[in-house]
Amino acid sequence: MIIEDSDILRENMAMGLRKAGYVVETAADGEDGLWRAEARNHDVLILDLGLPKLDGMDVLQRLRAAGDTAPVLILTARDGVDDRVAGLQAGADDYLVKPFDFAELMARIEALLRRSYGASVNVVKVGDLEVDTSARQARLGGVMLTLARREYALLEVLVLNAGAVVSRADIEARIYDEHVEPNSNVVDAAMSILRKKLDQPGVPSRIETRRGEGYRLCKP
C-alpha cells in the first residue's frame, strides 16, 4: 500500500513494484489512505508524511491505535533526526528519506516482509520446495518453476504460512490488484494451475482445501 501525494512518484513506485511481482494499492491523500489501510490487510505500508487532508503522522498514529500491526515504511523529505525519532516512536518500522534509490526501497520492503513473517533469510524451504522471496522465484526438487505473477504471489503466501490455513480473503488481498474486479475466479484459477505445477501423480496434493476456511500448504 502506497500513500503518497506526488502523482509521479506514487505511480513510478507502483509501476516498479508491480513489475517486480507485487500487488499494489495506492492513495493520494491521508484520508483516503487511512480508509484503504483500515479496509484491507496489507503486508507493507509505504507512507509519506506531508499528505493533504490528513498528515502521514496522524495516519500512522490512528492505525497503531486501532491495532494495525502492518509494517510501515515512512518515505519523506523530512530528514531531521527529530523527525526520524518521532516517526519511529509513533510506530513506524523503517524510515527512508527522499530522494532515494528504488533498489534501496525494494531491499527495505523485502527486509520488512521477512521480519513480518519471521523469516531471517530470503530463501524459505518446505521439503523439496523452496521459494526465494528476494528474486521472487521458486524451485521444486532443484528445478525452477515457471510461475505467472499471481501464481508466485499465491505460492509465496502459502509457503510463508506453511502448515497453517490461509483464508480466501487473505489470499485475495495478496493476489488481487486494485484494478481487478473482486469475486472473480482469480483465486480458483491460480490455485488450479499452481497445483498442477506442484503435484505429482499418485501423491496427495501439497495444497489442502479446507471448506469454509481456506487453503493450507502441507509440510512433509
Protein backbone atom coordinates (compact mmCIF):
# COMPACT_ATOMS: atom_id res chain seq x y z
CA MET A 1 0.00 0.00 0.00
CA ILE A 2 1.48 3.34 -1.10
CA ILE A 3 0.14 6.56 0.44
CA GLU A 4 1.91 9.38 -1.42
CA ASP A 5 0.55 12.68 -2.76
CA SER A 6 3.08 13.09 -5.59
CA ASP A 7 1.37 11.55 -8.62
CA ILE A 8 4.64 10.93 -10.47
CA LEU A 9 6.44 9.36 -7.51
CA ARG A 10 3.41 7.29 -6.47
CA GLU A 11 2.82 5.86 -9.94
CA ASN A 12 6.53 5.23 -10.55
CA MET A 13 6.82 3.28 -7.30
CA ALA A 14 3.63 1.35 -8.05
CA MET A 15 4.81 0.52 -11.57
CA GLY A 16 8.20 -0.68 -10.32
CA LEU A 17 6.68 -2.84 -7.61
CA ARG A 18 4.13 -4.35 -9.98
CA LYS A 19 6.89 -5.22 -12.43
CA ALA A 20 8.65 -6.96 -9.56
CA GLY A 21 5.51 -9.03 -8.98
CA TYR A 22 3.87 -7.23 -6.08
CA VAL A 23 0.19 -6.39 -5.80
CA VAL A 24 -0.09 -2.66 -5.11
CA GLU A 25 -2.83 -0.38 -3.83
CA THR A 26 -2.39 3.40 -3.83
CA ALA A 27 -3.83 6.55 -2.25
CA ALA A 28 -3.06 10.22 -2.89
CA ASP A 29 -4.08 11.75 0.45
CA GLY A 30 -4.15 10.86 4.12
CA GLU A 31 -7.91 10.39 4.47
CA ASP A 32 -8.20 8.01 1.52
CA GLY A 33 -5.03 6.21 2.59
CA LEU A 34 -6.31 5.68 6.13
CA TRP A 35 -9.63 4.37 4.85
CA ARG A 36 -7.95 1.93 2.44
CA ALA A 37 -5.43 0.80 5.06
CA GLU A 38 -8.23 0.07 7.52
CA ALA A 39 -10.37 -1.69 4.91
CA ARG A 40 -7.79 -4.32 3.87
CA ASN A 41 -4.82 -6.17 5.31
CA HIS A 42 -1.54 -5.08 3.72
CA ASP A 43 1.89 -6.67 4.03
CA VAL A 44 3.70 -3.31 4.00
CA LEU A 45 2.58 0.33 4.06
CA ILE A 46 4.74 2.99 2.35
CA LEU A 47 3.69 6.25 3.97
CA ASP A 48 4.55 9.83 3.10
CA LEU A 49 4.31 12.33 5.96
CA GLY A 50 3.41 15.56 4.15
CA LEU A 51 -0.02 14.46 2.94
CA PRO A 52 -3.10 16.58 2.15
CA LYS A 53 -6.31 16.20 4.20
CA LEU A 54 -4.60 14.15 6.92
CA ASP A 55 -0.91 14.22 7.82
CA GLY A 56 1.02 10.99 7.50
CA MET A 57 1.94 11.02 11.18
CA ASP A 58 -1.75 11.18 12.07
CA VAL A 59 -2.44 8.27 9.71
CA LEU A 60 0.27 6.22 11.42
CA GLN A 61 -0.91 7.03 14.94
CA ARG A 62 -4.53 6.19 14.12
CA LEU A 63 -3.56 2.87 12.54
CA ARG A 64 -1.46 1.86 15.54
CA ALA A 65 -4.17 2.99 17.96
CA ALA A 66 -6.63 0.76 16.07
CA GLY A 67 -4.30 -2.22 16.46
CA ASP A 68 -2.97 -2.35 12.91
CA THR A 69 0.43 -4.08 13.05
CA ALA A 70 1.37 -3.95 9.35
CA PRO A 71 5.00 -2.86 8.85
CA VAL A 72 5.19 0.85 7.96
CA LEU A 73 7.99 2.40 5.91
CA ILE A 74 7.95 6.18 6.19
CA LEU A 75 9.00 7.84 2.94
CA THR A 76 9.51 11.58 3.30
CA ALA A 77 11.65 14.64 2.66
CA ARG A 78 11.79 15.36 6.41
CA ASP A 79 15.37 14.28 7.09
CA GLY A 80 15.95 15.70 10.57
CA VAL A 81 16.93 13.38 13.40
CA ASP A 82 13.94 14.60 15.44
CA ASP A 83 11.62 13.72 12.54
CA ARG A 84 13.04 10.21 12.30
CA VAL A 85 12.80 9.64 16.03
CA ALA A 86 9.21 10.91 16.09
CA GLY A 87 8.22 8.62 13.22
CA LEU A 88 9.80 5.54 14.79
CA GLN A 89 8.32 6.31 18.19
CA ALA A 90 4.88 6.70 16.59
CA GLY A 91 5.11 3.12 15.35
CA ALA A 92 6.98 3.17 12.04
CA ASP A 93 9.30 0.24 11.31
CA ASP A 94 11.68 1.97 8.90
CA TYR A 95 12.43 5.44 7.54
CA LEU A 96 13.65 6.37 4.04
CA VAL A 97 14.43 9.94 3.04
CA LYS A 98 13.68 11.41 -0.40
CA PRO A 99 15.30 11.39 -2.88
CA PHE A 100 16.04 7.67 -2.77
CA ASP A 101 17.17 4.83 -5.00
CA PHE A 102 14.43 2.37 -5.98
CA ALA A 103 16.76 -0.57 -5.33
CA GLU A 104 17.11 0.55 -1.71
CA LEU A 105 13.34 0.86 -1.39
CA MET A 106 12.94 -2.71 -2.67
CA ALA A 107 15.59 -4.00 -0.26
CA ARG A 108 13.88 -2.32 2.70
CA ILE A 109 10.46 -3.70 1.68
CA GLU A 110 11.88 -7.22 1.41
CA ALA A 111 13.52 -6.86 4.84
CA LEU A 112 10.21 -5.77 6.37
CA LEU A 113 8.41 -8.70 4.75
CA ARG A 114 10.95 -11.20 6.07
CA ARG A 115 10.71 -9.72 9.55
CA SER A 116 6.92 -9.73 9.41
CA TYR A 117 6.81 -13.43 8.53
CA GLY A 118 9.57 -14.39 10.93
CA ALA A 119 11.99 -15.36 8.17
CA SER A 120 15.65 -14.46 8.63
CA VAL A 121 16.77 -15.40 5.12
CA ASN A 122 15.50 -14.82 1.60
CA VAL A 123 15.02 -18.50 0.74
CA VAL A 124 12.22 -20.33 2.55
CA LYS A 125 12.09 -24.14 2.22
CA VAL A 126 9.20 -26.55 2.71
CA GLY A 127 10.51 -30.01 1.96
CA ASP A 128 11.90 -30.03 -1.59
CA LEU A 129 10.05 -26.81 -2.40
CA GLU A 130 12.00 -23.59 -1.95
CA VAL A 131 10.96 -20.00 -2.56
CA ASP A 132 13.41 -17.11 -2.96
CA THR A 133 11.40 -14.10 -1.76
CA SER A 134 14.06 -11.67 -2.96
CA ALA A 135 14.35 -12.97 -6.53
CA ARG A 136 10.64 -13.97 -6.42
CA GLN A 137 11.45 -17.39 -7.84
CA ALA A 138 10.59 -20.94 -6.79
CA ARG A 139 12.23 -24.33 -7.26
CA LEU A 140 10.81 -27.80 -6.82
CA GLY A 141 13.37 -30.55 -6.36
CA GLY A 142 16.00 -28.11 -7.59
CA VAL A 143 14.12 -27.40 -10.82
CA MET A 144 12.98 -23.83 -11.48
CA LEU A 145 9.21 -23.40 -11.67
CA THR A 146 7.68 -21.18 -14.34
CA LEU A 147 5.11 -19.10 -12.49
CA ALA A 148 2.95 -16.16 -13.52
CA ARG A 149 2.84 -13.18 -11.14
CA ARG A 150 -0.36 -14.28 -9.39
CA GLU A 151 0.79 -17.89 -9.17
CA TYR A 152 4.00 -16.81 -7.48
CA ALA A 153 2.15 -14.48 -5.09
CA LEU A 154 -0.16 -17.34 -4.15
CA LEU A 155 2.71 -19.76 -3.62
CA GLU A 156 4.64 -17.26 -1.52
CA VAL A 157 1.81 -16.65 0.93
CA LEU A 158 1.23 -20.40 1.26
CA VAL A 159 4.93 -21.11 1.84
CA LEU A 160 5.35 -18.31 4.39
CA ASN A 161 2.38 -19.75 6.26
CA ALA A 162 3.22 -23.43 5.65
CA GLY A 163 1.22 -25.75 7.87
CA ALA A 164 -1.35 -23.07 8.69
CA VAL A 165 -4.68 -22.41 6.99
CA VAL A 166 -4.75 -19.22 4.92
CA SER A 167 -8.22 -17.79 4.39
CA ARG A 168 -9.56 -16.99 0.95
CA ALA A 169 -9.88 -13.35 1.99
CA ASP A 170 -6.17 -13.16 2.84
CA ILE A 171 -5.28 -14.81 -0.46
CA GLU A 172 -7.46 -12.41 -2.43
CA ALA A 173 -5.83 -9.44 -0.70
CA ARG A 174 -2.42 -10.64 -1.88
CA ILE A 175 -3.16 -11.59 -5.48
CA TYR A 176 -5.80 -9.02 -6.43
CA ASP A 177 -4.57 -5.75 -7.81
CA GLU A 178 -6.75 -2.74 -7.03
CA HIS A 179 -7.85 -2.72 -10.68
CA VAL A 180 -9.08 -6.33 -10.64
CA GLU A 181 -12.77 -6.94 -10.09
CA PRO A 182 -13.46 -8.82 -6.83
CA ASN A 183 -15.46 -12.04 -6.71
CA SER A 184 -13.85 -13.29 -9.90
CA ASN A 185 -12.34 -16.76 -10.25
CA VAL A 186 -8.76 -15.49 -9.98
CA VAL A 187 -8.06 -17.48 -6.81
CA ASP A 188 -9.58 -20.70 -8.19
CA ALA A 189 -7.75 -20.40 -11.50
CA ALA A 190 -4.37 -19.61 -9.88
CA MET A 191 -4.81 -22.40 -7.32
CA SER A 192 -5.67 -24.95 -10.02
CA ILE A 193 -2.62 -24.04 -12.11
CA LEU A 194 -0.34 -23.99 -9.08
CA ARG A 195 -1.49 -27.46 -8.00
CA LYS A 196 -0.70 -28.84 -11.46
CA LYS A 197 2.83 -27.43 -11.24
CA LEU A 198 3.48 -28.74 -7.71
CA ASP A 199 1.70 -32.09 -7.54
CA GLN A 200 2.93 -35.46 -8.73
CA PRO A 201 0.84 -38.41 -10.00
CA GLY A 202 -0.28 -40.80 -7.29
CA VAL A 203 0.77 -38.45 -4.47
CA PRO A 204 -1.70 -36.38 -2.38
CA SER A 205 -1.76 -32.71 -3.29
CA ARG A 206 0.61 -30.46 -1.36
CA ILE A 207 -2.19 -27.90 -1.12
CA GLU A 208 -5.08 -28.89 1.09
CA THR A 209 -8.51 -27.27 0.69
CA ARG A 210 -10.36 -26.61 3.93
CA ARG A 211 -14.00 -25.96 3.11
CA GLY A 212 -15.23 -22.71 4.60
CA GLU A 213 -11.74 -21.95 5.94
CA GLY A 214 -9.21 -21.62 3.14
CA TYR A 215 -6.11 -23.44 1.96
CA ARG A 216 -3.05 -24.99 3.61
CA LEU A 217 0.34 -25.93 2.22
CA CYS A 218 1.12 -29.26 3.89
CA LYS A 219 4.52 -29.76 5.46
CA PRO A 220 6.27 -33.05 4.62
